[in-house]
Amino acid sequence: MSREERYSGIEDVDFLFDNAPVTVIAVRNSSEIELGGLKVGPFEEGNEYEVRFWVARELEKAGIVQSREESLSATRLYKIQWTERIQSTGQLSSMPEDFYPRLRRLLEELKSSSKTSPEKMREYEYVQQLSQDILNCRLKKIVSLASTPGQKSQIIRSLTTEEQELYEKLEKIITEWRSEIL
C-alpha cells in the first residue's frame, strides 16, 4: 500500500471538513468579499451566516465573524483522554465525526502561535501529548477489535471515518493472514 493510498482517506475527510458548512456570527459590518474565487457577504453585525469552514477561518482572521462551532481545547481533550483510558479494551467512546480534522487544525494553530509565546508552546506540547495518548488508546482498541472475530457492529459505530477505514484494512489483513496460517 503506497503512502498516497494510505493517506487519501484522511485527505478526503479533511477536504470534506474544510468545505462543510458552519455557522458564524458577524462581529462587524462588511461588504461582499471574494475568497479563492468564492464571493461571500455582505455581512451585517450580529447576524448569523452559514459559510464553509475554510471561509469561516479566513473571515475570523480578518475579524469579520466569530464561529459558533464548539472548538477543541486542552480541557476537552483531557476529558476525552480520561474517558478513553478508563474504558476497557472492548469499549470505544463515541467521537464527533470531525474529531481528527479539528484536532489537526488545533495542533497547527498552537504550533504556529507557539513560535512567539512560551505559554502557547507549553499548551502545544500538552495538547500534543494528550492527542498522542488518545490516538494510542483508540489504536490499541481498534487493533484488538479488528483481530477479534464476532459481532461488533455496535462498537464500530463509535469509530470516526478515519478509524473505520483503518479498522476495515486491519480486519482484512488479519483475516487473510489467519486463513494462510490455518
Protein backbone atom coordinates (compact mmCIF):
# COMPACT_ATOMS: atom_id res chain seq x y z
CA MET A 1 0.00 0.00 0.00
CA SER A 2 1.53 3.29 -1.10
CA ARG A 3 1.73 6.38 1.08
CA GLU A 4 -0.81 8.10 -1.21
CA GLU A 5 -3.31 5.25 -0.79
CA ARG A 6 -2.86 5.27 2.97
CA TYR A 7 -3.45 8.98 3.36
CA SER A 8 -6.02 9.60 0.64
CA GLY A 9 -8.85 8.79 3.06
CA ILE A 10 -7.56 11.33 5.58
CA GLU A 11 -7.12 13.93 2.84
CA ASP A 12 -10.67 13.24 1.67
CA VAL A 13 -12.00 13.71 5.21
CA ASP A 14 -10.02 16.95 5.55
CA PHE A 15 -11.37 18.23 2.24
CA LEU A 16 -14.95 17.47 3.28
CA PHE A 17 -14.36 19.08 6.68
CA ASP A 18 -12.88 22.25 5.14
CA ASN A 19 -15.89 22.56 2.85
CA ALA A 20 -18.58 21.67 5.40
CA PRO A 21 -21.00 24.44 6.34
CA VAL A 22 -20.53 26.14 9.72
CA THR A 23 -22.49 28.86 11.43
CA VAL A 24 -20.79 32.18 12.13
CA ILE A 25 -21.91 35.47 13.65
CA ALA A 26 -20.78 38.72 12.09
CA VAL A 27 -18.90 40.82 14.65
CA ARG A 28 -18.76 43.82 12.33
CA ASN A 29 -20.33 45.00 9.10
CA SER A 30 -18.53 44.06 5.91
CA SER A 31 -19.25 44.36 2.23
CA GLU A 32 -19.07 41.40 -0.14
CA ILE A 33 -15.64 39.72 -0.18
CA GLU A 34 -14.05 37.38 -2.68
CA LEU A 35 -12.08 34.48 -1.19
CA GLY A 36 -10.44 31.98 -3.53
CA GLY A 37 -12.88 32.81 -6.31
CA LEU A 38 -15.89 32.49 -3.98
CA LYS A 39 -17.95 35.58 -3.15
CA VAL A 40 -19.27 35.82 0.42
CA GLY A 41 -21.17 38.50 2.22
CA PRO A 42 -22.14 41.19 2.71
CA PHE A 43 -22.16 40.72 6.49
CA GLU A 44 -24.21 42.70 8.97
CA GLU A 45 -23.02 42.81 12.58
CA GLY A 46 -24.99 40.48 14.88
CA ASN A 47 -26.48 38.32 12.12
CA GLU A 48 -25.78 34.60 11.70
CA TYR A 49 -24.50 33.20 8.43
CA GLU A 50 -23.64 29.75 7.13
CA VAL A 51 -20.32 29.53 5.29
CA ARG A 52 -17.79 26.81 4.55
CA PHE A 53 -15.30 26.05 7.32
CA TRP A 54 -12.29 27.36 5.40
CA VAL A 55 -14.16 30.59 4.63
CA ALA A 56 -15.08 30.97 8.31
CA ARG A 57 -11.41 30.66 9.28
CA GLU A 58 -10.40 33.39 6.84
CA LEU A 59 -13.21 35.67 7.94
CA GLU A 60 -12.29 35.09 11.61
CA LYS A 61 -8.67 36.01 10.88
CA ALA A 62 -9.94 39.22 9.28
CA GLY A 63 -12.05 39.98 12.37
CA ILE A 64 -15.34 39.91 10.46
CA VAL A 65 -17.02 36.89 12.05
CA GLN A 66 -16.86 34.64 15.06
CA SER A 67 -17.56 30.92 14.78
CA ARG A 68 -20.48 29.41 16.68
CA GLU A 69 -18.97 25.94 16.47
CA GLU A 70 -17.52 24.42 19.63
CA SER A 71 -13.80 24.07 19.15
CA LEU A 72 -11.39 21.61 20.70
CA SER A 73 -9.37 22.74 23.69
CA ALA A 74 -6.87 21.21 26.07
CA THR A 75 -9.66 20.82 28.65
CA ARG A 76 -11.94 18.99 26.23
CA LEU A 77 -9.06 16.77 25.06
CA TYR A 78 -8.21 15.91 28.66
CA LYS A 79 -11.80 14.73 29.23
CA ILE A 80 -11.66 12.61 26.06
CA GLN A 81 -8.30 11.15 27.06
CA TRP A 82 -9.52 10.33 30.57
CA THR A 83 -12.64 8.61 29.19
CA GLU A 84 -10.61 6.53 26.73
CA ARG A 85 -8.15 5.42 29.41
CA ILE A 86 -10.76 4.23 31.92
CA GLN A 87 -12.71 2.17 29.39
CA SER A 88 -11.87 -1.45 28.75
CA THR A 89 -10.21 -2.59 25.53
CA GLY A 90 -13.58 -3.66 24.14
CA GLN A 91 -15.13 -0.22 24.65
CA LEU A 92 -14.77 2.83 22.46
CA SER A 93 -16.41 6.11 23.30
CA SER A 94 -18.26 7.83 20.53
CA MET A 95 -16.27 10.66 18.95
CA PRO A 96 -17.55 13.57 16.92
CA GLU A 97 -17.23 12.69 13.23
CA ASP A 98 -14.95 15.67 12.70
CA PHE A 99 -12.71 14.99 15.72
CA TYR A 100 -9.48 14.32 13.83
CA PRO A 101 -9.77 17.24 11.37
CA ARG A 102 -10.47 19.56 14.31
CA LEU A 103 -7.55 18.07 16.24
CA ARG A 104 -5.15 18.56 13.32
CA ARG A 105 -6.24 22.19 12.99
CA LEU A 106 -5.89 22.82 16.73
CA LEU A 107 -2.36 21.41 16.65
CA GLU A 108 -1.49 23.52 13.59
CA GLU A 109 -2.78 26.70 15.26
CA LEU A 110 -0.97 26.01 18.54
CA LYS A 111 2.26 25.12 16.77
CA SER A 112 2.10 28.34 14.79
CA SER A 113 1.35 30.53 17.82
CA SER A 114 3.95 28.68 19.95
CA LYS A 115 6.74 30.30 17.91
CA THR A 116 6.09 33.64 19.60
CA SER A 117 4.73 32.62 23.01
CA PRO A 118 6.28 30.30 25.62
CA GLU A 119 2.81 29.84 27.11
CA LYS A 120 1.45 28.64 23.75
CA MET A 121 4.49 26.35 23.40
CA ARG A 122 3.61 24.64 26.70
CA GLU A 123 -0.04 24.36 25.64
CA TYR A 124 1.02 22.93 22.27
CA GLU A 125 3.22 20.31 23.96
CA TYR A 126 0.44 19.40 26.41
CA VAL A 127 -2.19 19.12 23.66
CA GLN A 128 0.22 17.09 21.54
CA GLN A 129 0.79 14.70 24.47
CA LEU A 130 -2.96 14.35 25.12
CA SER A 131 -3.58 13.80 21.40
CA GLN A 132 -0.94 11.11 21.19
CA ASP A 133 -2.39 9.33 24.22
CA ILE A 134 -5.93 9.44 22.78
CA LEU A 135 -4.65 8.14 19.46
CA ASN A 136 -2.68 5.32 21.11
CA CYS A 137 -5.63 4.26 23.30
CA ARG A 138 -8.01 4.17 20.35
CA LEU A 139 -5.48 2.49 18.10
CA LYS A 140 -4.97 -0.37 20.59
CA LYS A 141 -8.74 -0.84 20.79
CA ILE A 142 -9.15 -0.79 17.01
CA VAL A 143 -6.39 -3.36 16.52
CA SER A 144 -7.98 -5.56 19.18
CA LEU A 145 -11.41 -5.18 17.56
CA ALA A 146 -10.07 -5.98 14.10
CA SER A 147 -8.39 -9.14 15.34
CA THR A 148 -11.40 -10.45 17.26
CA PRO A 149 -13.99 -12.32 15.19
CA GLY A 150 -17.64 -11.82 16.07
CA GLN A 151 -20.42 -9.29 16.19
CA LYS A 152 -19.01 -5.80 16.67
CA SER A 153 -21.48 -3.55 14.86
CA GLN A 154 -22.36 -1.56 17.99
CA ILE A 155 -18.72 -0.74 18.75
CA ILE A 156 -17.86 0.01 15.12
CA ARG A 157 -20.50 2.77 15.10
CA SER A 158 -18.32 4.64 17.61
CA LEU A 159 -15.46 4.89 15.10
CA THR A 160 -14.75 8.02 13.11
CA THR A 161 -14.44 7.79 9.32
CA GLU A 162 -10.64 7.57 9.56
CA GLU A 163 -10.86 4.87 12.22
CA GLN A 164 -13.42 2.87 10.23
CA GLU A 165 -11.10 2.89 7.24
CA LEU A 166 -8.21 1.68 9.41
CA TYR A 167 -10.41 -0.97 11.04
CA GLU A 168 -11.55 -2.36 7.67
CA LYS A 169 -7.99 -2.54 6.36
CA LEU A 170 -6.71 -4.23 9.52
CA GLU A 171 -9.59 -6.70 9.62
CA LYS A 172 -8.93 -7.68 6.00
CA ILE A 173 -5.19 -8.14 6.58
CA ILE A 174 -5.76 -10.16 9.77
CA THR A 175 -8.43 -12.36 8.16
CA GLU A 176 -6.18 -13.09 5.17
CA TRP A 177 -3.24 -13.82 7.45
CA ARG A 178 -5.32 -16.20 9.58
CA SER A 179 -6.55 -18.09 6.53
CA GLU A 180 -2.97 -18.53 5.31
CA ILE A 181 -1.75 -19.75 8.70
CA LEU A 182 -4.59 -22.18 9.40
